[in-house]
Structure formats: C-alpha cells, structure tokens
Amino acid sequence: MTRLVSFEAAGRVHPGHQAMLDHPPDGYRFVVPDGRWDRGLTALMSNDFAYHALAGRLDRLLPLHLVKSRLDGAFRPPVAADLTFAVNHLVFRDEPWVAFLECVTAPAGFTMARLRKRKDMLEKAFASPPCRCIIVWSELTRKSVLASLDCAGFERKIEVVRFAVPPRRFARTRSDDRVRLLFLGTANAPGAFALRGGREVLEAFLLLAQRYENVELVVRSDVPQEIKARYRGHPRLLFVEGELSPPELDALFRSSDVFLFPAYYSPWMAVPEAMSYGLPVVTTNVYANPETVEDGVSGFVIEASTIPRWAENFAPPNTAKDPVYQRAIRRPDPAITRGLVDRISRLIEDPELRVRMGDAARERVEDGPLSVAQRNRSLKRIFDEALAPPAQARAEAAA
C-alpha cells in the first residue's frame, strides 16, 4: 500500500525539494495540493516579479509564512492524504503533519525579532500531538532550534535529514591538461552573485591566471554589468549568459575540474550537485558548509569572511535584509580571495589530489550522508512513526 504525503510549500518548490518529490521513500508518494487556493498561490509564486519583489516587500510588513499558515487553517479543507509535509510554516489544521525548517526563524518570518515575538506560538505548535516531527537539514540548524526555543515539549521530535541528489552517470568530456574552474549562480534566487562569493572568485582567478597558463574559469551567474565589463576579454574567462537547460548544465559540470562556492551562506543543492559529478569543492566555513564538504577529503573549507555570519543562537542572518551583509559584499573580501588562491593552487598542481577529492565527493552522494538512499531511509522511518497508532508510536519513541 502506498501512502500519500501532501507536500505544502510556503512559496516556490525549491529544487532541493523537487529532488525529494521525484524520489520518495518506499511506500510513500508525495502529492502537491491542487485546490483553488493552491493554484492561485502557485500562479503568484511562479511569477518572478511577484516572488522576488512583491512578496519581499509584503514580507517586511507581515510574516508571509505565518499568514499562509493562518489562512490555510481557516480556508483550506482537510487534505486528501495521510500526512502533511509543511515547508517552513506551521499547520493549524487537526491532522498529522511534519515540519521542515530551513532555519529556526522561517515559520515566524526569517528574523530573530519576529521569532522572539512568536516564540510561544511555535513552541506550542511543535509540541502539539498533530506535529509528529520537525525535520532540519543540518546539525547546525538543529543546534539553532535547541538554542532559540524551549524544546522541552518536542526535542525528541527534531530530526536531521540532509538534502540529497541522485548520482550522475557521466564521462569526462576533456582529456587535456587544462584545469577548468566552475562558479555557478542560482536560478532560484536572482541577485546572489555576491552572496555566493562571485567577486572573490574573479579576484582569485586573476591571480591564478598569472601563475598558471592552464587554468580557466567559467562563470554562470547574474553578474552585474559593471563587473562583467571589467573582466570581459580575458582569454581564459568565460561568462555564460542566461539560464541553462538541464543538458547544458550537465555538459558544464562534466567539462569542469573544480567547483567553487566561497559563499556567505550555505547552499541546499549547489554543492551536492557538483559533488555528484565527482568535482572537488572549495567552499567557506559558513553555517553548514563543513557538514557537506569534508575539509581535506572531498574538497577544501577555507576560513570565512570577517563579515558577521550569524544572528543569535547559531541562526544564519537573513542576508537579503541584513544591511551589514549588503554593504560588506559590495567589494571582495581579501581573506576569502587568499584562501581561494591557496587551495585552488594545490588542486591545479596536483592532478591526483583532484581525482582523490572528486572521488570522495562522489562517494558522499552515492552511498554516504548525501545519498538518496540514506535520506529515504530517514524519511521512511519518520513517516512510519508519524502514522503509527499512538501506542505503537510511544513504544518506538521510547525504544
């Protein structure tokens, strides 16, 4: 028998969640609500202007995730599913549900001030019997929940389930001695070039290109025009314009040797995706990045920027709203640039190290903590326990 899990996004379906919808655990199938309310919300969120501009302005006035929870509770009929999977928001309907938290502040509006104001509400909702589990995607996220909320009534419900990607079937498309570095922006959140460390990547590349004749860089991102004009014309630097189709993105990964992600925040999917292609990753020691990339094993984790990267209680600040971030990332951080030059130089000079780290990165996606199999084992156990009869669930929790 296949059980149905209603997947409730707070806005758009993130690619990380789409990978979960496409590869559910055994015995379960995800369904996306398709009522009139849901179709209207989907139409609104699929519009880039509405999602990134209009919703952003409204969220400054009202915590939209909390508004959604209240409206859902008032107007949405009971779901035709066995369980609800609520992304970044609470469920006020009388039905079994599990929460997925991007960060501890998400259900209250992504700021610590809003979380403090609605702390009692979150604690009551998470401790309630209908809430069967609180899923977080990293150990550091779990730590932030424990530090920010009184979890006495629901600590046992908090589970870490990491994002996963299927391993890629591929062959390298080049056999020459060039070393191609790859930096990707994001189609999910336009404007993230600086937050992903794009300025530092370009600065580091200019230094590396003076030292090594065989290094080249591909940048696929929404690079500001003034920056693009400054660097355009370098013979070993390629800016890829516009969004890429899946086959085009696949070709880009297959033709690269090192993936660069010196970001000011943690990604959900960009780094695991690169690792699935056997690419060593150079990233920063920010939030959960060291949980994804093992420093010296599947890549390098360089010391992060001096820019403040934490809010209270280990919660990442909302970089889109934090004026400290927005001012600071207008120019490259020299500490990150130096770290990039040092680690990338090691990978350029040692082809065997690139292969060894790339193999270790792929292993984490094929059979390790970032594998679909391990993620689905965790999800199946969580869903089974969430839907078990009360007496059985108590026995399993106590075991």
Protein backbone atom coordinates (compact mmCIF):
# COMPACT_ATOMS: atom_id res chain seq x y z
CA MET A 1 0.00 0.00 0.00
CA THR A 2 1.29 3.44 -0.96
CA ARG A 3 0.61 6.24 1.49
CA LEU A 4 0.20 9.83 0.37
CA VAL A 5 2.15 12.77 1.79
CA SER A 6 0.80 16.22 0.99
CA PHE A 7 3.73 18.49 0.19
CA GLU A 8 2.95 22.07 1.24
CA ALA A 9 5.49 24.63 0.10
CA ALA A 10 5.49 28.07 1.69
CA GLY A 11 6.29 29.62 -1.69
CA ARG A 12 8.03 28.06 -4.65
CA VAL A 13 9.11 24.43 -4.65
CA HIS A 14 12.87 24.58 -4.17
CA PRO A 15 14.98 22.30 -6.45
CA GLY A 16 16.15 20.50 -3.31
CA HIS A 17 12.59 19.58 -2.51
CA GLN A 18 11.82 18.72 -6.11
CA ALA A 19 14.55 16.08 -5.90
CA MET A 20 12.71 14.63 -2.90
CA LEU A 21 9.34 14.73 -4.67
CA ASP A 22 10.84 12.88 -7.64
CA HIS A 23 12.47 10.20 -5.46
CA PRO A 24 10.21 9.48 -2.45
CA PRO A 25 10.87 6.79 0.16
CA ASP A 26 9.47 3.30 -0.40
CA GLY A 27 5.78 3.02 0.37
CA TYR A 28 5.10 6.75 0.00
CA ARG A 29 4.18 9.19 -2.73
CA PHE A 30 4.21 12.97 -2.48
CA VAL A 31 1.23 14.90 -3.78
CA VAL A 32 1.11 18.67 -4.25
CA PRO A 33 -2.25 20.21 -3.22
CA ASP A 34 -4.20 21.37 -6.24
CA GLY A 35 -7.25 23.18 -4.87
CA ARG A 36 -8.33 26.65 -5.94
CA TRP A 37 -6.35 28.24 -3.10
CA ASP A 38 -3.23 26.28 -4.04
CA ARG A 39 -3.50 27.03 -7.76
CA GLY A 40 -3.77 30.73 -7.02
CA LEU A 41 -0.73 30.65 -4.75
CA THR A 42 1.26 28.67 -7.31
CA ALA A 43 0.41 31.14 -10.07
CA LEU A 44 1.51 34.04 -7.86
CA MET A 45 4.77 32.39 -6.82
CA SER A 46 5.68 31.31 -10.36
CA ASN A 47 5.90 34.96 -11.39
CA ASP A 48 9.45 36.24 -10.80
CA PHE A 49 8.32 39.78 -10.02
CA ALA A 50 5.71 38.60 -7.54
CA TYR A 51 8.04 36.14 -5.87
CA HIS A 52 11.16 38.26 -5.53
CA ALA A 53 9.83 41.82 -5.47
CA LEU A 54 6.21 41.95 -4.40
CA ALA A 55 6.41 39.14 -1.84
CA GLY A 56 9.64 40.60 -0.47
CA ARG A 57 8.01 43.98 0.13
CA LEU A 58 4.93 42.44 1.72
CA ASP A 59 7.07 40.30 3.99
CA ARG A 60 8.56 43.43 5.53
CA LEU A 61 5.08 44.27 6.78
CA LEU A 62 3.75 40.81 7.58
CA PRO A 63 5.46 37.43 8.08
CA LEU A 64 4.05 35.76 4.98
CA HIS A 65 4.81 32.20 6.08
CA LEU A 66 2.78 32.74 9.23
CA VAL A 67 0.00 34.45 7.28
CA LYS A 68 -0.12 31.42 4.99
CA SER A 69 -0.40 29.09 8.00
CA ARG A 70 -3.34 31.07 9.39
CA LEU A 71 -5.14 31.32 6.06
CA ASP A 72 -4.60 27.63 5.37
CA GLY A 73 -6.06 26.81 8.76
CA ALA A 74 -9.13 28.92 8.06
CA PHE A 75 -9.84 28.19 4.40
CA ARG A 76 -8.12 25.02 3.25
CA PRO A 77 -10.21 21.85 3.52
CA PRO A 78 -8.69 18.72 5.11
CA VAL A 79 -6.04 17.23 2.86
CA ALA A 80 -6.76 14.02 0.98
CA ALA A 81 -3.52 12.49 2.20
CA ASP A 82 -2.20 10.51 5.14
CA LEU A 83 0.34 13.13 6.26
CA THR A 84 1.23 16.77 5.57
CA PHE A 85 4.83 17.86 4.94
CA ALA A 86 4.92 21.60 5.78
CA VAL A 87 7.90 23.54 4.45
CA ASN A 88 8.94 26.49 6.63
CA HIS A 89 5.49 27.02 8.13
CA LEU A 90 3.12 25.72 10.78
CA VAL A 91 -0.07 23.73 10.30
CA PHE A 92 -3.08 24.74 12.37
CA ARG A 93 -5.43 22.09 10.99
CA ASP A 94 -6.28 18.99 13.00
CA GLU A 95 -4.25 16.48 11.01
CA PRO A 96 -0.88 14.73 11.36
CA TRP A 97 1.96 16.84 9.98
CA VAL A 98 5.72 17.13 9.94
CA ALA A 99 7.58 20.41 9.61
CA PHE A 100 10.64 21.07 7.51
CA LEU A 101 12.71 24.06 8.68
CA GLU A 102 15.22 25.84 6.50
CA CYS A 103 16.18 27.72 9.66
CA VAL A 104 14.62 28.26 13.07
CA THR A 105 13.26 31.68 12.14
CA ALA A 106 11.46 30.57 8.95
CA PRO A 107 7.92 29.98 10.33
CA ALA A 108 7.94 33.33 12.13
CA GLY A 109 9.29 35.47 9.27
CA PHE A 110 13.07 34.87 8.97
CA THR A 111 14.22 37.37 11.61
CA MET A 112 15.13 36.85 15.24
CA ALA A 113 12.90 39.76 16.27
CA ARG A 114 9.88 38.04 14.77
CA LEU A 115 10.88 34.72 16.29
CA ARG A 116 11.09 36.24 19.77
CA LYS A 117 7.66 37.79 19.29
CA ARG A 118 6.06 34.49 18.27
CA LYS A 119 8.22 32.09 20.22
CA ASP A 120 5.35 30.76 22.35
CA MET A 121 3.25 30.08 19.26
CA LEU A 122 5.99 28.00 17.62
CA GLU A 123 6.69 26.06 20.80
CA LYS A 124 3.01 25.26 21.27
CA ALA A 125 2.58 24.15 17.64
CA PHE A 126 5.68 21.95 17.64
CA ALA A 127 4.75 20.35 20.97
CA SER A 128 1.18 19.63 19.87
CA PRO A 129 0.20 15.99 19.16
CA PRO A 130 -0.59 16.59 15.45
CA CYS A 131 3.01 17.75 14.87
CA ARG A 132 4.83 14.44 14.60
CA CYS A 133 8.33 15.60 13.63
CA ILE A 134 10.46 18.71 12.99
CA ILE A 135 12.90 17.99 10.16
CA VAL A 136 16.01 20.14 9.79
CA TRP A 137 18.63 19.80 7.08
CA SER A 138 21.82 20.14 9.14
CA GLU A 139 23.18 19.60 12.62
CA LEU A 140 23.77 23.32 12.94
CA THR A 141 20.12 24.02 12.16
CA ARG A 142 19.16 21.57 14.89
CA LYS A 143 21.52 23.35 17.25
CA SER A 144 19.89 26.70 16.44
CA VAL A 145 16.40 25.30 17.17
CA LEU A 146 17.55 23.99 20.55
CA ALA A 147 19.21 27.30 21.41
CA SER A 148 16.35 29.53 20.26
CA LEU A 149 13.26 27.72 21.55
CA ASP A 150 12.20 25.94 24.71
CA CYS A 151 12.23 22.47 23.21
CA ALA A 152 11.25 20.52 26.32
CA GLY A 153 7.96 19.50 24.73
CA PHE A 154 9.36 18.44 21.36
CA GLU A 155 13.14 17.91 21.46
CA ARG A 156 12.70 14.22 20.67
CA LYS A 157 10.81 15.20 17.51
CA ILE A 158 13.76 17.08 15.94
CA GLU A 159 15.45 15.04 13.18
CA VAL A 160 18.29 15.86 10.78
CA VAL A 161 17.59 14.79 7.19
CA ARG A 162 20.10 16.08 4.67
CA PHE A 163 19.37 17.10 1.11
CA ALA A 164 20.41 14.53 -1.46
CA VAL A 165 20.88 14.24 -5.20
CA PRO A 166 20.95 11.13 -7.36
CA PRO A 167 24.46 10.15 -8.52
CA ARG A 168 25.18 11.17 -12.08
CA ARG A 169 26.08 8.79 -14.86
CA PHE A 170 28.70 10.67 -16.84
CA ALA A 171 32.08 10.62 -18.53
CA ARG A 172 34.59 13.42 -18.59
CA THR A 173 34.47 15.35 -21.85
CA ARG A 174 38.08 16.58 -21.83
CA SER A 175 41.45 14.87 -21.57
CA ASP A 176 43.85 17.81 -21.93
CA ASP A 177 45.93 19.38 -19.16
CA ARG A 178 43.70 22.42 -18.66
CA VAL A 179 42.10 22.90 -15.23
CA ARG A 180 38.62 24.38 -15.54
CA LEU A 181 37.14 26.11 -12.52
CA LEU A 182 33.37 26.44 -12.34
CA PHE A 183 31.31 29.04 -10.49
CA LEU A 184 27.51 28.96 -10.66
CA GLY A 185 24.95 31.49 -9.62
CA THR A 186 21.39 30.43 -9.00
CA ALA A 187 18.19 30.50 -11.00
CA ASN A 188 16.19 30.18 -7.76
CA ALA A 189 17.30 33.46 -6.19
CA PRO A 190 18.48 36.11 -8.68
CA GLY A 191 21.00 38.59 -7.29
CA ALA A 192 23.05 36.01 -5.43
CA PHE A 193 26.31 36.57 -7.36
CA ALA A 194 27.96 38.44 -4.49
CA LEU A 195 26.47 36.27 -1.74
CA ARG A 196 27.90 33.19 -3.42
CA GLY A 197 31.37 34.72 -3.45
CA GLY A 198 31.46 35.71 -7.11
CA ARG A 199 33.58 38.80 -6.56
CA GLU A 200 36.20 36.80 -4.66
CA VAL A 201 36.22 34.11 -7.36
CA LEU A 202 37.04 36.66 -10.06
CA GLU A 203 39.76 38.29 -7.97
CA ALA A 204 41.32 34.91 -7.20
CA PHE A 205 41.20 33.86 -10.84
CA LEU A 206 43.19 36.91 -11.99
CA LEU A 207 45.94 35.99 -9.55
CA LEU A 208 45.86 32.31 -10.52
CA ALA A 209 45.89 33.10 -14.26
CA GLN A 210 49.16 34.99 -13.80
CA ARG A 211 50.68 31.95 -12.12
CA TYR A 212 49.26 29.10 -14.23
CA GLU A 213 48.82 29.09 -18.00
CA ASN A 214 46.48 26.08 -17.93
CA VAL A 215 43.78 27.43 -15.61
CA GLU A 216 40.45 28.76 -16.89
CA LEU A 217 37.22 29.87 -15.28
CA VAL A 218 33.59 29.53 -16.32
CA VAL A 219 31.07 31.80 -14.58
CA ARG A 220 27.36 31.11 -14.97
CA SER A 221 25.63 33.74 -12.87
CA ASP A 222 23.76 37.01 -12.96
CA VAL A 223 26.97 39.05 -12.94
CA PRO A 224 26.42 42.82 -12.62
CA GLN A 225 27.20 44.59 -15.90
CA GLU A 226 29.92 46.81 -14.42
CA ILE A 227 31.79 43.76 -13.12
CA LYS A 228 31.34 41.87 -16.37
CA ALA A 229 32.71 44.83 -18.33
CA ARG A 230 35.77 44.97 -16.08
CA TYR A 231 36.72 41.34 -16.64
CA ARG A 232 35.37 40.67 -20.14
CA GLY A 233 38.04 39.94 -22.70
CA HIS A 234 40.28 37.75 -20.55
CA PRO A 235 41.20 34.86 -22.86
CA ARG A 236 40.60 32.16 -20.23
CA LEU A 237 37.49 33.56 -18.59
CA LEU A 238 34.05 32.71 -19.95
CA PHE A 239 30.78 34.31 -18.83
CA VAL A 240 27.81 32.09 -19.67
CA GLU A 241 24.72 34.22 -20.19
CA GLY A 242 21.15 33.36 -19.24
CA GLU A 243 19.62 30.26 -17.74
CA LEU A 244 20.81 26.85 -18.86
CA SER A 245 18.75 23.85 -19.82
CA PRO A 246 19.44 20.63 -17.87
CA PRO A 247 21.55 19.16 -20.74
CA GLU A 248 23.58 22.39 -20.97
CA LEU A 249 24.18 22.44 -17.22
CA ASP A 250 25.13 18.77 -17.32
CA ALA A 251 27.72 19.49 -20.01
CA LEU A 252 29.14 22.33 -17.95
CA PHE A 253 29.64 20.09 -14.91
CA ARG A 254 31.15 17.28 -16.99
CA SER A 255 33.70 19.59 -18.57
CA SER A 256 34.87 21.10 -15.25
CA ASP A 257 37.52 20.06 -12.75
CA VAL A 258 36.91 22.12 -9.59
CA PHE A 259 33.72 23.67 -8.23
CA LEU A 260 33.96 27.00 -6.39
CA PHE A 261 31.45 28.07 -3.75
CA PRO A 262 33.11 30.61 -1.41
CA ALA A 263 29.71 31.81 -0.24
CA TYR A 264 28.44 33.82 2.70
CA TYR A 265 25.72 31.25 3.34
CA SER A 266 25.06 27.51 2.97
CA PRO A 267 23.50 26.09 -0.19
CA TRP A 268 20.98 23.32 -0.23
CA MET A 269 21.79 21.79 -3.61
CA ALA A 270 24.60 23.55 -5.48
CA VAL A 271 27.45 21.81 -3.67
CA PRO A 272 25.90 18.29 -3.55
CA GLU A 273 25.08 18.65 -7.24
CA ALA A 274 28.73 19.41 -8.06
CA MET A 275 29.88 16.55 -5.83
CA SER A 276 27.63 14.16 -7.74
CA TYR A 277 29.81 14.85 -10.78
CA GLY A 278 32.97 13.96 -8.89
CA LEU A 279 34.16 17.55 -8.51
CA PRO A 280 36.24 18.63 -5.52
CA VAL A 281 34.65 21.68 -3.91
CA VAL A 282 36.30 24.79 -2.46
CA THR A 283 33.88 26.49 -0.09
CA THR A 284 33.83 28.62 3.05
CA ASN A 285 33.43 27.74 6.71
CA VAL A 286 29.94 29.20 6.90
CA TYR A 287 26.94 27.65 8.65
CA ALA A 288 26.54 24.02 7.48
CA ASN A 289 29.12 24.00 4.66
CA PRO A 290 31.63 21.92 6.69
CA GLU A 291 28.90 19.29 7.18
CA THR A 292 28.66 18.91 3.40
CA VAL A 293 32.34 19.20 2.38
CA GLU A 294 34.92 17.40 4.49
CA ASP A 295 37.93 19.70 4.60
CA GLY A 296 40.93 17.99 3.02
CA VAL A 297 38.87 14.96 1.95
CA SER A 298 36.15 15.91 -0.56
CA GLY A 299 37.41 19.46 -1.04
CA PHE A 300 38.62 22.41 0.97
CA VAL A 301 36.80 24.55 3.53
CA ILE A 302 38.53 27.91 3.81
CA GLU A 303 38.10 30.28 6.71
CA ALA A 304 35.13 32.51 6.18
CA SER A 305 34.86 36.23 5.83
CA THR A 306 35.14 38.63 8.72
CA ILE A 307 31.63 39.77 7.78
CA PRO A 308 29.27 38.73 10.59
CA ARG A 309 27.68 35.46 9.53
CA TRP A 310 25.50 34.60 12.50
CA ALA A 311 22.45 36.07 14.06
CA GLU A 312 21.58 34.95 17.59
CA ASN A 313 21.77 31.32 18.66
CA PHE A 314 23.56 29.98 15.58
CA ALA A 315 20.78 31.08 13.21
CA PRO A 316 22.04 32.48 9.89
CA PRO A 317 21.07 36.10 9.34
CA ASN A 318 18.64 36.87 6.56
CA THR A 319 21.21 38.08 4.08
CA ALA A 320 18.62 39.72 1.84
CA LYS A 321 17.51 42.02 4.68
CA ASP A 322 20.71 42.43 6.69
CA PRO A 323 22.28 45.84 5.89
CA VAL A 324 25.67 44.71 7.27
CA TYR A 325 25.81 41.97 4.64
CA GLN A 326 24.55 44.16 1.84
CA ARG A 327 27.17 46.83 2.46
CA ALA A 328 30.04 44.45 3.04
CA ILE A 329 29.63 42.26 -0.03
CA ARG A 330 29.93 45.21 -2.40
CA ARG A 331 33.66 44.56 -2.55
CA PRO A 332 35.61 41.28 -2.42
CA ASP A 333 36.92 40.06 0.90
CA PRO A 334 40.74 39.69 0.64
CA ALA A 335 40.81 36.88 3.22
CA ILE A 336 38.49 34.73 1.13
CA THR A 337 40.44 35.59 -2.03
CA ARG A 338 43.72 34.48 -0.42
CA GLY A 339 42.11 31.26 0.76
CA LEU A 340 40.83 30.52 -2.73
CA VAL A 341 44.21 31.14 -4.35
CA ASP A 342 45.96 28.86 -1.86
CA ARG A 343 43.53 25.90 -2.11
CA ILE A 344 42.97 26.13 -5.84
CA SER A 345 46.74 26.24 -6.40
CA ARG A 346 47.06 22.90 -4.61
CA LEU A 347 44.42 21.38 -6.84
CA ILE A 348 45.98 22.77 -10.02
CA GLU A 349 49.43 21.48 -9.15
CA ASP A 350 48.31 18.03 -8.00
CA PRO A 351 46.06 16.18 -10.50
CA GLU A 352 45.97 13.11 -8.27
CA LEU A 353 44.63 15.21 -5.40
CA ARG A 354 41.84 16.47 -7.67
CA VAL A 355 40.88 12.92 -8.57
CA ARG A 356 41.07 11.68 -4.99
CA MET A 357 38.94 14.51 -3.63
CA GLY A 358 36.50 14.22 -6.52
CA ASP A 359 36.06 10.50 -5.84
CA ALA A 360 35.47 11.20 -2.14
CA ALA A 361 32.91 13.87 -3.03
CA ARG A 362 31.03 11.50 -5.32
CA GLU A 363 31.08 8.78 -2.66
CA ARG A 364 29.22 11.07 -0.23
CA VAL A 365 26.47 11.41 -2.82
CA GLU A 366 26.38 7.77 -3.97
CA ASP A 367 26.44 5.95 -0.64
CA GLY A 368 27.13 8.49 2.11
CA PRO A 369 25.19 11.12 4.05
CA LEU A 370 24.14 12.99 0.88
CA SER A 371 22.74 9.91 -0.86
CA VAL A 372 19.11 9.45 -1.84
CA ALA A 373 19.14 6.02 -0.20
CA GLN A 374 20.20 7.37 3.21
CA ARG A 375 17.78 10.30 3.01
CA ASN A 376 14.90 8.00 2.15
CA ARG A 377 15.70 5.60 4.96
CA SER A 378 15.39 8.53 7.36
CA LEU A 379 12.19 9.83 5.75
CA LYS A 380 10.56 6.40 5.70
CA ARG A 381 11.26 5.90 9.40
CA ILE A 382 9.92 9.38 10.23
CA PHE A 383 6.77 8.91 8.14
CA ASP A 384 6.17 5.39 9.50
CA GLU A 385 6.43 6.65 13.07
CA ALA A 386 4.26 9.68 12.30
CA LEU A 387 1.45 7.44 11.06
CA ALA A 388 1.82 4.64 13.59
CA PRO A 389 -1.02 4.09 16.08
CA PRO A 390 -0.44 6.18 19.25
CA ALA A 391 0.54 3.24 21.48
CA GLN A 392 2.99 1.91 18.90
CA ALA A 393 4.46 5.36 18.31
CA ARG A 394 5.08 5.84 22.05
CA ALA A 395 6.79 2.47 22.25
CA GLU A 396 9.01 3.23 19.26
CA ALA A 397 9.92 6.66 20.63
CA ALA A 398 10.89 5.15 23.99
CA ALA A 399 12.99 2.36 22.41
